[in-house]
Amino acid sequence: MTTPRTFSQRPYVGPPGSTELLLVRHGASADSVEGESFELVEGQGDPPLSEAGRHQAEQVALRLAQEPIDGVYFSTLRRTAQTAAPLVDRTGIVPVADADLREVYLGEWEGGLLRQRAVDRDPMFDAVLREERWDVVPGAESRAAFGGRLRAAVERIAASHPGGRVVVFGHGAAIGEIMAQASGSTPFAFINADNASLSRIVVTPERWIVRGYNDIAHLRE
């Protein structure tokens, strides 16, 4: 008599050669002050981390330092570099800055105005949320341009680390756009990731696979 085969459930394993990206939103940045603008770098607001954000960066490092990591990337805005710094110090990994990972360019609302418009419920901010596009704001980046450069960055990073795990320190809207592309969701379905949260995707040449979003277990400890 033939013994029937058994099939146990197993932990997820990505496709051969796939790359896991751990997407970390930067820690909380300095307050926006009415009547003042953040320092601009290539036209984009570049605030440093706040004291709370620096503490969050340490918590991220404690969470990830024990995981196998093959690379660390961040954008060319300093709040991502500052968030990555504690992990870099613990692992000794040489990080890579990638300008394509920058936050969405907000045109006339750069320098901290977005936060103020959101709190004041500016009608244009409501239109941004309703229409799910940033270029409602004059001069802001279109989804085609924003999503295109992020897709190029993700594909470039994955191609450099086949079969590996990479930590990418990024921005709220940027992580939201990557998650939207991976899931096929509406554009703004994932724009509310918390500061210092962790999201995960698995990247193959054929598709991106969502594995987690807005994990903040390390911030509750």
N, C-alpha and C. Protein backbone atom coordinates (compact mmCIF):
# COMPACT_ATOMS: atom_id res chain seq x y z
N MET A 1 0.85 -1.20 0.00
CA MET A 1 0.00 0.00 0.00
C MET A 1 0.88 1.25 0.00
N THR A 2 0.59 2.17 -0.86
CA THR A 2 1.38 3.39 -0.98
C THR A 2 0.98 4.38 0.11
N THR A 3 1.96 4.90 0.80
CA THR A 3 1.69 5.91 1.83
C THR A 3 1.43 7.26 1.16
N PRO A 4 0.32 7.88 1.48
CA PRO A 4 0.03 9.18 0.85
C PRO A 4 1.05 10.23 1.25
N ARG A 5 1.34 11.09 0.35
CA ARG A 5 2.27 12.18 0.64
C ARG A 5 1.60 13.19 1.57
N THR A 6 2.42 13.88 2.36
CA THR A 6 1.92 14.95 3.23
C THR A 6 2.57 16.27 2.83
N PHE A 7 1.85 17.33 3.04
CA PHE A 7 2.32 18.65 2.62
C PHE A 7 2.14 19.63 3.77
N SER A 8 3.22 19.98 4.43
CA SER A 8 3.16 20.89 5.57
C SER A 8 3.21 22.34 5.09
N GLN A 9 2.60 23.23 5.86
CA GLN A 9 2.75 24.65 5.59
C GLN A 9 4.15 25.09 6.02
N ARG A 10 4.74 25.97 5.23
CA ARG A 10 6.11 26.40 5.48
C ARG A 10 6.20 27.92 5.47
N PRO A 11 7.22 28.46 6.13
CA PRO A 11 7.43 29.91 6.07
C PRO A 11 7.67 30.36 4.64
N TYR A 12 7.31 31.60 4.37
CA TYR A 12 7.48 32.16 3.02
C TYR A 12 8.96 32.23 2.66
N VAL A 13 9.27 31.85 1.45
CA VAL A 13 10.60 32.01 0.87
C VAL A 13 10.42 32.67 -0.49
N GLY A 14 11.13 33.76 -0.72
CA GLY A 14 11.00 34.46 -1.99
C GLY A 14 11.48 33.64 -3.17
N PRO A 15 11.06 34.00 -4.36
CA PRO A 15 11.53 33.29 -5.56
C PRO A 15 13.05 33.33 -5.65
N PRO A 16 13.66 32.32 -6.28
CA PRO A 16 15.12 32.29 -6.43
C PRO A 16 15.64 33.59 -7.05
N GLY A 17 16.67 34.16 -6.43
CA GLY A 17 17.27 35.37 -6.95
C GLY A 17 16.55 36.66 -6.61
N SER A 18 15.42 36.55 -5.90
CA SER A 18 14.67 37.76 -5.54
C SER A 18 15.41 38.54 -4.45
N THR A 19 15.07 39.80 -4.32
CA THR A 19 15.71 40.68 -3.33
C THR A 19 14.65 41.20 -2.38
N GLU A 20 14.91 41.10 -1.08
CA GLU A 20 14.00 41.66 -0.09
C GLU A 20 14.45 43.08 0.25
N LEU A 21 13.54 44.03 0.14
CA LEU A 21 13.80 45.41 0.51
C LEU A 21 13.05 45.74 1.79
N LEU A 22 13.78 46.17 2.81
CA LEU A 22 13.19 46.66 4.05
C LEU A 22 13.14 48.17 3.93
N LEU A 23 11.94 48.71 3.82
CA LEU A 23 11.74 50.14 3.59
C LEU A 23 11.49 50.83 4.93
N VAL A 24 12.42 51.67 5.36
CA VAL A 24 12.31 52.36 6.64
C VAL A 24 12.04 53.83 6.39
N ARG A 25 10.93 54.32 6.92
CA ARG A 25 10.70 55.76 6.83
C ARG A 25 11.63 56.44 7.84
N HIS A 26 12.15 57.59 7.47
CA HIS A 26 13.04 58.33 8.36
C HIS A 26 12.35 58.66 9.69
N GLY A 27 13.14 58.90 10.72
CA GLY A 27 12.60 59.31 12.00
C GLY A 27 11.97 60.69 11.92
N ALA A 28 11.28 61.07 12.98
CA ALA A 28 10.61 62.38 13.02
C ALA A 28 11.63 63.49 12.79
N SER A 29 11.27 64.43 11.94
CA SER A 29 12.18 65.54 11.63
C SER A 29 11.77 66.79 12.40
N ALA A 30 12.61 67.81 12.30
CA ALA A 30 12.41 69.05 13.04
C ALA A 30 11.06 69.68 12.72
N ASP A 31 10.53 70.42 13.66
CA ASP A 31 9.24 71.09 13.48
C ASP A 31 9.30 72.11 12.34
N SER A 32 8.22 72.22 11.63
CA SER A 32 8.03 73.30 10.68
C SER A 32 7.49 74.50 11.44
N VAL A 33 8.10 75.67 11.22
CA VAL A 33 7.72 76.89 11.94
C VAL A 33 7.07 77.86 10.97
N GLU A 34 5.90 78.34 11.34
CA GLU A 34 5.17 79.27 10.48
C GLU A 34 6.02 80.49 10.16
N GLY A 35 6.07 80.85 8.89
CA GLY A 35 6.84 82.00 8.46
C GLY A 35 8.30 81.70 8.17
N GLU A 36 8.74 80.48 8.44
CA GLU A 36 10.12 80.08 8.17
C GLU A 36 10.12 78.89 7.22
N SER A 37 11.23 78.71 6.51
CA SER A 37 11.36 77.59 5.58
C SER A 37 12.53 76.72 6.00
N PHE A 38 12.38 75.43 5.79
CA PHE A 38 13.53 74.55 5.98
C PHE A 38 14.61 74.92 4.96
N GLU A 39 15.85 74.60 5.30
CA GLU A 39 16.93 74.70 4.32
C GLU A 39 16.58 73.84 3.12
N LEU A 40 16.84 74.34 1.93
CA LEU A 40 16.52 73.61 0.71
C LEU A 40 17.78 73.00 0.10
N VAL A 41 17.66 71.77 -0.37
CA VAL A 41 18.73 71.10 -1.10
C VAL A 41 18.17 70.72 -2.46
N GLU A 42 18.70 71.32 -3.50
CA GLU A 42 18.18 71.12 -4.85
C GLU A 42 16.68 71.35 -4.89
N GLY A 43 16.24 72.38 -4.18
CA GLY A 43 14.84 72.81 -4.19
C GLY A 43 13.93 72.08 -3.22
N GLN A 44 14.46 71.10 -2.48
CA GLN A 44 13.62 70.33 -1.56
C GLN A 44 13.98 70.61 -0.11
N GLY A 45 12.95 70.65 0.76
CA GLY A 45 13.17 70.88 2.17
C GLY A 45 14.06 69.80 2.77
N ASP A 46 15.02 70.24 3.61
CA ASP A 46 16.00 69.29 4.14
C ASP A 46 16.15 69.46 5.66
N PRO A 47 15.07 69.24 6.43
CA PRO A 47 15.19 69.37 7.88
C PRO A 47 15.99 68.23 8.47
N PRO A 48 16.67 68.47 9.60
CA PRO A 48 17.34 67.37 10.31
C PRO A 48 16.33 66.60 11.14
N LEU A 49 16.77 65.49 11.73
CA LEU A 49 15.92 64.77 12.67
C LEU A 49 15.74 65.59 13.94
N SER A 50 14.60 65.45 14.55
CA SER A 50 14.37 66.01 15.88
C SER A 50 14.99 65.07 16.91
N GLU A 51 14.94 65.46 18.17
CA GLU A 51 15.44 64.58 19.23
C GLU A 51 14.66 63.26 19.23
N ALA A 52 13.34 63.35 19.06
CA ALA A 52 12.53 62.13 18.99
C ALA A 52 12.95 61.27 17.80
N GLY A 53 13.24 61.91 16.68
CA GLY A 53 13.66 61.17 15.50
C GLY A 53 14.99 60.47 15.69
N ARG A 54 15.90 61.10 16.40
CA ARG A 54 17.20 60.45 16.67
C ARG A 54 17.01 59.22 17.55
N HIS A 55 16.10 59.31 18.52
CA HIS A 55 15.80 58.16 19.36
C HIS A 55 15.17 57.04 18.52
N GLN A 56 14.28 57.40 17.63
CA GLN A 56 13.67 56.40 16.75
C GLN A 56 14.71 55.71 15.88
N ALA A 57 15.70 56.48 15.41
CA ALA A 57 16.75 55.89 14.58
C ALA A 57 17.53 54.83 15.37
N GLU A 58 17.77 55.09 16.63
CA GLU A 58 18.46 54.10 17.48
C GLU A 58 17.61 52.84 17.63
N GLN A 59 16.31 53.01 17.76
CA GLN A 59 15.43 51.85 17.90
C GLN A 59 15.39 51.02 16.61
N VAL A 60 15.42 51.70 15.47
CA VAL A 60 15.49 50.97 14.20
C VAL A 60 16.77 50.15 14.14
N ALA A 61 17.89 50.75 14.55
CA ALA A 61 19.16 50.04 14.52
C ALA A 61 19.14 48.81 15.42
N LEU A 62 18.57 48.94 16.60
CA LEU A 62 18.48 47.80 17.51
C LEU A 62 17.65 46.69 16.90
N ARG A 63 16.62 47.06 16.15
CA ARG A 63 15.74 46.06 15.52
C ARG A 63 16.46 45.33 14.39
N LEU A 64 17.22 46.06 13.58
CA LEU A 64 17.73 45.49 12.34
C LEU A 64 19.18 45.00 12.40
N ALA A 65 19.92 45.41 13.42
CA ALA A 65 21.34 45.07 13.46
C ALA A 65 21.60 43.57 13.51
N GLN A 66 20.63 42.80 14.01
CA GLN A 66 20.82 41.36 14.14
C GLN A 66 20.34 40.59 12.91
N GLU A 67 19.75 41.30 11.94
CA GLU A 67 19.28 40.63 10.72
C GLU A 67 20.41 40.58 9.69
N PRO A 68 20.42 39.57 8.84
CA PRO A 68 21.40 39.56 7.74
C PRO A 68 21.07 40.67 6.75
N ILE A 69 22.01 41.55 6.51
CA ILE A 69 21.79 42.71 5.64
C ILE A 69 22.94 42.78 4.63
N ASP A 70 22.57 42.96 3.37
CA ASP A 70 23.57 43.01 2.31
C ASP A 70 23.85 44.42 1.80
N GLY A 71 23.04 45.38 2.20
CA GLY A 71 23.27 46.75 1.75
C GLY A 71 22.38 47.72 2.47
N VAL A 72 22.81 48.98 2.51
CA VAL A 72 22.03 50.07 3.12
C VAL A 72 22.02 51.23 2.14
N TYR A 73 20.82 51.74 1.87
CA TYR A 73 20.65 52.86 0.96
C TYR A 73 19.82 53.95 1.64
N PHE A 74 20.05 55.19 1.25
CA PHE A 74 19.20 56.29 1.71
C PHE A 74 19.15 57.36 0.62
N SER A 75 18.25 58.31 0.79
CA SER A 75 18.12 59.38 -0.19
C SER A 75 19.20 60.43 0.07
N THR A 76 19.23 61.45 -0.76
CA THR A 76 20.22 62.51 -0.60
C THR A 76 19.73 63.62 0.33
N LEU A 77 18.63 63.38 1.04
CA LEU A 77 18.15 64.32 2.06
C LEU A 77 18.58 63.81 3.43
N ARG A 78 19.06 64.71 4.29
CA ARG A 78 19.81 64.29 5.46
C ARG A 78 19.00 63.53 6.50
N ARG A 79 17.69 63.70 6.52
CA ARG A 79 16.93 62.97 7.54
C ARG A 79 16.98 61.46 7.32
N THR A 80 17.15 61.02 6.08
CA THR A 80 17.30 59.58 5.86
C THR A 80 18.71 59.11 6.23
N ALA A 81 19.71 59.91 5.91
CA ALA A 81 21.09 59.55 6.28
C ALA A 81 21.23 59.50 7.80
N GLN A 82 20.61 60.45 8.50
CA GLN A 82 20.70 60.47 9.95
C GLN A 82 19.96 59.29 10.58
N THR A 83 18.87 58.87 9.95
CA THR A 83 18.15 57.70 10.46
C THR A 83 18.95 56.42 10.23
N ALA A 84 19.67 56.36 9.13
CA ALA A 84 20.47 55.18 8.82
C ALA A 84 21.73 55.09 9.68
N ALA A 85 22.22 56.22 10.17
CA ALA A 85 23.54 56.27 10.80
C ALA A 85 23.74 55.26 11.94
N PRO A 86 22.80 55.10 12.89
CA PRO A 86 23.03 54.12 13.96
C PRO A 86 23.16 52.69 13.45
N LEU A 87 22.41 52.33 12.44
CA LEU A 87 22.52 50.98 11.87
C LEU A 87 23.86 50.83 11.15
N VAL A 88 24.28 51.84 10.43
CA VAL A 88 25.57 51.81 9.74
C VAL A 88 26.70 51.65 10.76
N ASP A 89 26.60 52.38 11.88
CA ASP A 89 27.63 52.28 12.91
C ASP A 89 27.71 50.87 13.49
N ARG A 90 26.57 50.22 13.66
CA ARG A 90 26.55 48.88 14.26
C ARG A 90 27.01 47.79 13.30
N THR A 91 26.73 47.96 12.02
CA THR A 91 27.01 46.90 11.06
C THR A 91 28.31 47.11 10.29
N GLY A 92 28.76 48.35 10.18
CA GLY A 92 29.94 48.63 9.38
C GLY A 92 29.69 48.62 7.89
N ILE A 93 28.43 48.48 7.48
CA ILE A 93 28.10 48.49 6.05
C ILE A 93 28.30 49.90 5.49
N VAL A 94 28.93 50.01 4.36
CA VAL A 94 29.11 51.30 3.71
C VAL A 94 27.81 51.66 2.98
N PRO A 95 27.13 52.73 3.41
CA PRO A 95 25.84 53.06 2.80
C PRO A 95 25.99 53.73 1.44
N VAL A 96 24.90 53.70 0.69
CA VAL A 96 24.88 54.31 -0.64
C VAL A 96 23.76 55.35 -0.69
N ALA A 97 24.09 56.56 -1.10
CA ALA A 97 23.07 57.61 -1.28
C ALA A 97 22.56 57.55 -2.72
N ASP A 98 21.25 57.58 -2.87
CA ASP A 98 20.62 57.50 -4.19
C ASP A 98 19.60 58.63 -4.31
N ALA A 99 19.85 59.57 -5.20
CA ALA A 99 18.98 60.73 -5.34
C ALA A 99 17.58 60.36 -5.79
N ASP A 100 17.42 59.24 -6.48
CA ASP A 100 16.10 58.84 -6.94
C ASP A 100 15.18 58.42 -5.79
N LEU A 101 15.73 58.22 -4.59
CA LEU A 101 14.91 57.85 -3.42
C LEU A 101 14.37 59.08 -2.69
N ARG A 102 14.63 60.29 -3.19
CA ARG A 102 14.15 61.50 -2.54
C ARG A 102 12.62 61.50 -2.39
N GLU A 103 12.16 62.32 -1.46
CA GLU A 103 10.73 62.52 -1.29
C GLU A 103 10.14 63.19 -2.52
N VAL A 104 8.81 63.11 -2.68
CA VAL A 104 8.15 63.79 -3.78
C VAL A 104 8.45 65.29 -3.70
N TYR A 105 8.73 65.88 -4.86
CA TYR A 105 8.97 67.32 -4.93
C TYR A 105 7.63 68.05 -4.89
N LEU A 106 7.50 69.00 -3.96
CA LEU A 106 6.21 69.63 -3.70
C LEU A 106 6.05 71.04 -4.27
N GLY A 107 6.94 71.45 -5.15
CA GLY A 107 6.76 72.72 -5.83
C GLY A 107 6.62 73.89 -4.87
N GLU A 108 5.52 74.63 -4.98
CA GLU A 108 5.31 75.82 -4.16
C GLU A 108 5.14 75.50 -2.67
N TRP A 109 4.96 74.24 -2.34
CA TRP A 109 4.79 73.86 -0.93
C TRP A 109 6.04 73.27 -0.32
N GLU A 110 7.17 73.42 -0.96
CA GLU A 110 8.41 72.91 -0.38
C GLU A 110 8.84 73.76 0.82
N GLY A 111 9.68 73.18 1.65
CA GLY A 111 10.24 73.91 2.79
C GLY A 111 9.47 73.78 4.07
N GLY A 112 8.43 72.91 4.10
CA GLY A 112 7.65 72.71 5.32
C GLY A 112 6.21 73.15 5.23
N LEU A 113 5.82 73.73 4.08
CA LEU A 113 4.46 74.25 3.95
C LEU A 113 3.40 73.14 3.94
N LEU A 114 3.76 71.96 3.46
CA LEU A 114 2.77 70.89 3.40
C LEU A 114 2.16 70.62 4.77
N ARG A 115 2.99 70.55 5.79
CA ARG A 115 2.47 70.28 7.15
C ARG A 115 1.47 71.34 7.58
N GLN A 116 1.82 72.60 7.30
CA GLN A 116 0.94 73.69 7.70
C GLN A 116 -0.38 73.66 6.93
N ARG A 117 -0.30 73.40 5.64
CA ARG A 117 -1.52 73.33 4.82
C ARG A 117 -2.41 72.17 5.27
N ALA A 118 -1.79 71.07 5.67
CA ALA A 118 -2.57 69.91 6.12
C ALA A 118 -3.31 70.23 7.41
N VAL A 119 -2.62 70.85 8.36
CA VAL A 119 -3.26 71.19 9.65
C VAL A 119 -4.38 72.19 9.45
N ASP A 120 -4.17 73.16 8.55
CA ASP A 120 -5.17 74.20 8.30
C ASP A 120 -6.29 73.75 7.36
N ARG A 121 -6.20 72.51 6.88
CA ARG A 121 -7.19 71.96 5.93
C ARG A 121 -7.38 72.89 4.74
N ASP A 122 -6.27 73.28 4.17
CA ASP A 122 -6.27 74.08 2.96
C ASP A 122 -7.07 73.33 1.89
N PRO A 123 -7.95 74.00 1.16
CA PRO A 123 -8.74 73.33 0.12
C PRO A 123 -7.88 72.61 -0.91
N MET A 124 -6.70 73.16 -1.19
CA MET A 124 -5.82 72.49 -2.15
C MET A 124 -5.29 71.18 -1.57
N PHE A 125 -5.03 71.15 -0.27
CA PHE A 125 -4.60 69.90 0.35
C PHE A 125 -5.71 68.86 0.27
N ASP A 126 -6.94 69.29 0.52
CA ASP A 126 -8.06 68.36 0.38
C ASP A 126 -8.16 67.83 -1.04
N ALA A 127 -7.86 68.68 -2.03
CA ALA A 127 -7.90 68.25 -3.43
C ALA A 127 -6.79 67.24 -3.72
N VAL A 128 -5.61 67.44 -3.12
CA VAL A 128 -4.52 66.47 -3.27
C VAL A 128 -4.98 65.09 -2.82
N LEU A 129 -5.61 65.02 -1.64
CA LEU A 129 -6.07 63.74 -1.11
C LEU A 129 -7.21 63.16 -1.94
N ARG A 130 -8.11 64.01 -2.37
CA ARG A 130 -9.27 63.55 -3.13
C ARG A 130 -8.85 62.99 -4.49
N GLU A 131 -7.94 63.71 -5.16
CA GLU A 131 -7.51 63.31 -6.50
C GLU A 131 -6.32 62.34 -6.48
N GLU A 132 -5.72 62.16 -5.30
CA GLU A 132 -4.58 61.26 -5.12
C GLU A 132 -3.45 61.57 -6.11
N ARG A 133 -3.08 62.83 -6.13
CA ARG A 133 -1.93 63.24 -6.94
C ARG A 133 -1.33 64.51 -6.33
N TRP A 134 0.01 64.52 -6.27
CA TRP A 134 0.71 65.63 -5.64
C TRP A 134 0.74 66.87 -6.52
N ASP A 135 0.65 66.71 -7.84
CA ASP A 135 0.80 67.86 -8.72
C ASP A 135 -0.45 68.71 -8.83
N VAL A 136 -1.41 68.49 -7.91
CA VAL A 136 -2.44 69.52 -7.70
C VAL A 136 -1.76 70.80 -7.21
N VAL A 137 -0.70 70.64 -6.42
CA VAL A 137 0.09 71.77 -5.93
C VAL A 137 0.91 72.33 -7.09
N PRO A 138 0.86 73.63 -7.35
CA PRO A 138 1.62 74.19 -8.47
C PRO A 138 3.11 73.85 -8.38
N GLY A 139 3.62 73.31 -9.47
CA GLY A 139 5.03 72.99 -9.56
C GLY A 139 5.43 71.66 -8.97
N ALA A 140 4.49 70.94 -8.37
CA ALA A 140 4.83 69.67 -7.73
C ALA A 140 5.05 68.57 -8.77
N GLU A 141 5.69 67.51 -8.33
CA GLU A 141 6.07 66.41 -9.20
C GLU A 141 4.86 65.57 -9.59
N SER A 142 4.80 65.16 -10.82
CA SER A 142 3.72 64.28 -11.28
C SER A 142 3.98 62.86 -10.80
N ARG A 143 2.93 62.04 -10.78
CA ARG A 143 3.12 60.66 -10.38
C ARG A 143 4.01 59.92 -11.38
N ALA A 144 3.88 60.26 -12.65
CA ALA A 144 4.71 59.59 -13.65
C ALA A 144 6.19 59.81 -13.37
N ALA A 145 6.56 61.05 -13.04
CA ALA A 145 7.96 61.35 -12.77
C ALA A 145 8.40 60.76 -11.43
N PHE A 146 7.58 60.94 -10.40
CA PHE A 146 7.88 60.45 -9.05
C PHE A 146 7.97 58.93 -9.04
N GLY A 147 6.93 58.29 -9.55
CA GLY A 147 6.91 56.83 -9.57
C GLY A 147 7.97 56.25 -10.48
N GLY A 148 8.27 56.94 -11.55
CA GLY A 148 9.28 56.44 -12.48
C GLY A 148 10.66 56.40 -11.87
N ARG A 149 11.03 57.47 -11.15
CA ARG A 149 12.38 57.47 -10.57
C ARG A 149 12.48 56.50 -9.41
N LEU A 150 11.40 56.32 -8.65
CA LEU A 150 11.42 55.34 -7.57
C LEU A 150 11.51 53.92 -8.11
N ARG A 151 10.78 53.66 -9.17
CA ARG A 151 10.85 52.32 -9.77
C ARG A 151 12.26 52.05 -10.27
N ALA A 152 12.88 53.05 -10.88
CA ALA A 152 14.25 52.87 -11.36
C ALA A 152 15.19 52.58 -10.20
N ALA A 153 15.00 53.28 -9.08
CA ALA A 153 15.86 53.06 -7.91
C ALA A 153 15.69 51.66 -7.35
N VAL A 154 14.44 51.22 -7.20
CA VAL A 154 14.18 49.88 -6.66
C VAL A 154 14.78 48.82 -7.58
N GLU A 155 14.58 48.95 -8.86
CA GLU A 155 15.10 47.95 -9.79
C GLU A 155 16.62 47.94 -9.79
N ARG A 156 17.22 49.11 -9.68
CA ARG A 156 18.69 49.20 -9.64
C ARG A 156 19.25 48.56 -8.37
N ILE A 157 18.61 48.84 -7.24
CA ILE A 157 19.06 48.26 -5.97
C ILE A 157 18.91 46.75 -5.99
N ALA A 158 17.75 46.27 -6.44
CA ALA A 158 17.52 44.82 -6.49
C ALA A 158 18.53 44.12 -7.40
N ALA A 159 18.82 44.73 -8.53
CA ALA A 159 19.77 44.12 -9.47
C ALA A 159 21.18 44.05 -8.89
N SER A 160 21.48 44.94 -7.95
CA SER A 160 22.81 44.94 -7.32
C SER A 160 22.92 43.93 -6.19
N HIS A 161 21.77 43.39 -5.73
CA HIS A 161 21.78 42.48 -4.58
C HIS A 161 20.85 41.28 -4.82
N PRO A 162 21.05 40.53 -5.92
CA PRO A 162 20.16 39.39 -6.17
C PRO A 162 20.26 38.35 -5.05
N GLY A 163 19.12 37.93 -4.55
CA GLY A 163 19.09 36.96 -3.47
C GLY A 163 19.40 37.54 -2.11
N GLY A 164 19.53 38.87 -2.00
CA GLY A 164 19.93 39.50 -0.75
C GLY A 164 18.81 40.24 -0.05
N ARG A 165 19.19 40.87 1.06
CA ARG A 165 18.27 41.69 1.85
C ARG A 165 18.90 43.07 2.01
N VAL A 166 18.16 44.10 1.66
CA VAL A 166 18.68 45.47 1.64
C VAL A 166 17.76 46.36 2.46
N VAL A 167 18.35 47.27 3.24
CA VAL A 167 17.58 48.25 3.99
C VAL A 167 17.62 49.57 3.23
N VAL A 168 16.44 50.12 2.96
CA VAL A 168 16.32 51.38 2.22
C VAL A 168 15.64 52.39 3.13
N PHE A 169 16.36 53.45 3.49
CA PHE A 169 15.81 54.51 4.33
C PHE A 169 15.23 55.59 3.42
N GLY A 170 13.92 55.77 3.53
CA GLY A 170 13.24 56.67 2.61
C GLY A 170 12.25 57.59 3.29
N HIS A 171 11.26 58.02 2.52
CA HIS A 171 10.32 59.05 2.93
C HIS A 171 8.88 58.54 2.84
N GLY A 172 7.98 59.22 3.53
CA GLY A 172 6.61 58.76 3.62
C GLY A 172 5.91 58.58 2.28
N ALA A 173 5.90 59.63 1.46
CA ALA A 173 5.22 59.53 0.17
C ALA A 173 5.96 58.57 -0.76
N ALA A 174 7.28 58.53 -0.65
CA ALA A 174 8.06 57.64 -1.51
C ALA A 174 7.78 56.18 -1.18
N ILE A 175 7.76 55.85 0.10
CA ILE A 175 7.43 54.48 0.50
C ILE A 175 6.00 54.16 0.07
N GLY A 176 5.09 55.13 0.23
CA GLY A 176 3.71 54.92 -0.20
C GLY A 176 3.61 54.61 -1.67
N GLU A 177 4.39 55.30 -2.49
CA GLU A 177 4.36 55.06 -3.94
C GLU A 177 4.94 53.69 -4.28
N ILE A 178 6.03 53.30 -3.62
CA ILE A 178 6.60 51.98 -3.86
C ILE A 178 5.60 50.89 -3.49
N MET A 179 4.94 51.05 -2.34
CA MET A 179 3.97 50.05 -1.91
C MET A 179 2.77 50.01 -2.86
N ALA A 180 2.36 51.16 -3.35
CA ALA A 180 1.23 51.20 -4.29
C ALA A 180 1.59 50.47 -5.58
N GLN A 181 2.81 50.67 -6.06
CA GLN A 181 3.23 49.96 -7.27
C GLN A 181 3.31 48.46 -7.03
N ALA A 182 3.81 48.07 -5.85
CA ALA A 182 3.95 46.65 -5.55
C ALA A 182 2.60 45.95 -5.43
N SER A 183 1.62 46.66 -4.87
CA SER A 183 0.32 46.05 -4.60
C SER A 183 -0.71 46.27 -5.71
N GLY A 184 -0.45 47.24 -6.59
CA GLY A 184 -1.45 47.60 -7.59
C GLY A 184 -2.61 48.38 -7.01
N SER A 185 -2.37 49.05 -5.87
CA SER A 185 -3.44 49.80 -5.19
C SER A 185 -3.64 51.17 -5.82
N THR A 186 -4.60 51.92 -5.27
CA THR A 186 -4.73 53.32 -5.63
C THR A 186 -3.48 54.07 -5.16
N PRO A 187 -3.18 55.24 -5.75
CA PRO A 187 -1.89 55.90 -5.48
C PRO A 187 -1.60 56.23 -4.03
N PHE A 188 -2.63 56.62 -3.25
CA PHE A 188 -2.39 57.09 -1.88
C PHE A 188 -2.77 56.07 -0.82
N ALA A 189 -2.94 54.81 -1.20
CA ALA A 189 -3.38 53.80 -0.22
C ALA A 189 -2.37 53.59 0.90
N PHE A 190 -1.09 53.89 0.65
CA PHE A 190 -0.03 53.61 1.63
C PHE A 190 0.77 54.84 2.02
N ILE A 191 0.18 56.04 1.98
CA ILE A 191 0.99 57.24 2.21
C ILE A 191 1.17 57.58 3.69
N ASN A 192 0.57 56.82 4.60
CA ASN A 192 0.58 57.23 6.01
C ASN A 192 1.49 56.37 6.88
N ALA A 193 2.59 55.88 6.34
CA ALA A 193 3.55 55.13 7.16
C ALA A 193 4.09 56.01 8.27
N ASP A 194 4.20 55.45 9.48
CA ASP A 194 4.72 56.21 10.62
C ASP A 194 6.22 56.45 10.47
N ASN A 195 6.70 57.49 11.14
CA ASN A 195 8.14 57.72 11.20
C ASN A 195 8.83 56.50 11.81
N ALA A 196 9.94 56.09 11.20
CA ALA A 196 10.76 54.97 11.65
C ALA A 196 10.05 53.63 11.55
N SER A 197 8.98 53.56 10.78
CA SER A 197 8.29 52.29 10.54
C SER A 197 9.03 51.46 9.51
N LEU A 198 8.70 50.18 9.48
CA LEU A 198 9.35 49.23 8.58
C LEU A 198 8.30 48.58 7.68
N SER A 199 8.52 48.64 6.38
CA SER A 199 7.68 47.95 5.40
C SER A 199 8.59 47.05 4.56
N ARG A 200 8.00 46.01 3.97
CA ARG A 200 8.82 45.02 3.26
C ARG A 200 8.20 44.69 1.90
N ILE A 201 9.07 44.61 0.90
CA ILE A 201 8.66 44.07 -0.39
C ILE A 201 9.74 43.09 -0.87
N VAL A 202 9.33 42.16 -1.70
CA VAL A 202 10.26 41.26 -2.37
C VAL A 202 10.21 41.61 -3.85
N VAL A 203 11.39 41.81 -4.44
CA VAL A 203 11.49 42.29 -5.82
C VAL A 203 12.06 41.20 -6.71
N THR A 204 11.34 40.90 -7.78
CA THR A 204 11.84 40.02 -8.83
C THR A 204 11.79 40.80 -10.15
N PRO A 205 12.44 40.33 -11.19
CA PRO A 205 12.35 41.04 -12.47
C PRO A 205 10.93 41.13 -13.00
N GLU A 206 10.07 40.19 -12.61
CA GLU A 206 8.70 40.15 -13.13
C GLU A 206 7.71 40.94 -12.30
N ARG A 207 7.90 40.97 -10.96
CA ARG A 207 6.91 41.63 -10.11
C ARG A 207 7.50 41.97 -8.75
N TRP A 208 6.78 42.84 -8.03
CA TRP A 208 7.11 43.18 -6.66
C TRP A 208 6.03 42.58 -5.77
N ILE A 209 6.44 42.03 -4.64
CA ILE A 209 5.53 41.32 -3.75
C ILE A 209 5.51 42.01 -2.38
N VAL A 210 4.34 42.40 -1.92
CA VAL A 210 4.22 43.04 -0.60
C VAL A 210 4.32 41.99 0.49
N ARG A 211 5.18 42.24 1.48
CA ARG A 211 5.35 41.33 2.60
C ARG A 211 5.03 41.97 3.95
N GLY A 212 4.90 43.28 4.00
CA GLY A 212 4.55 43.92 5.27
C GLY A 212 4.51 45.43 5.12
N TYR A 213 3.75 46.08 6.01
CA TYR A 213 3.61 47.53 5.94
C TYR A 213 3.50 48.12 7.34
N ASN A 214 4.25 49.19 7.58
CA ASN A 214 4.14 50.03 8.78
C ASN A 214 4.33 49.24 10.08
N ASP A 215 5.34 48.40 10.10
CA ASP A 215 5.68 47.65 11.31
C ASP A 215 6.39 48.60 12.28
N ILE A 216 5.81 48.83 13.46
CA ILE A 216 6.41 49.74 14.45
C ILE A 216 6.60 49.01 15.78
N ALA A 217 6.73 47.69 15.75
CA ALA A 217 6.90 46.93 17.01
C ALA A 217 8.13 47.41 17.77
N HIS A 218 9.19 47.79 17.06
CA HIS A 218 10.42 48.24 17.72
C HIS A 218 10.24 49.57 18.42
N LEU A 219 9.26 50.35 18.04
CA LEU A 219 9.02 51.66 18.66
C LEU A 219 8.19 51.55 19.92
N ARG A 220 7.56 50.40 20.12
CA ARG A 220 6.71 50.22 21.30
C ARG A 220 7.49 49.65 22.49
N GLU A 221 8.71 49.18 22.21
CA GLU A 221 9.48 48.55 23.28
C GLU A 221 10.05 49.59 24.23
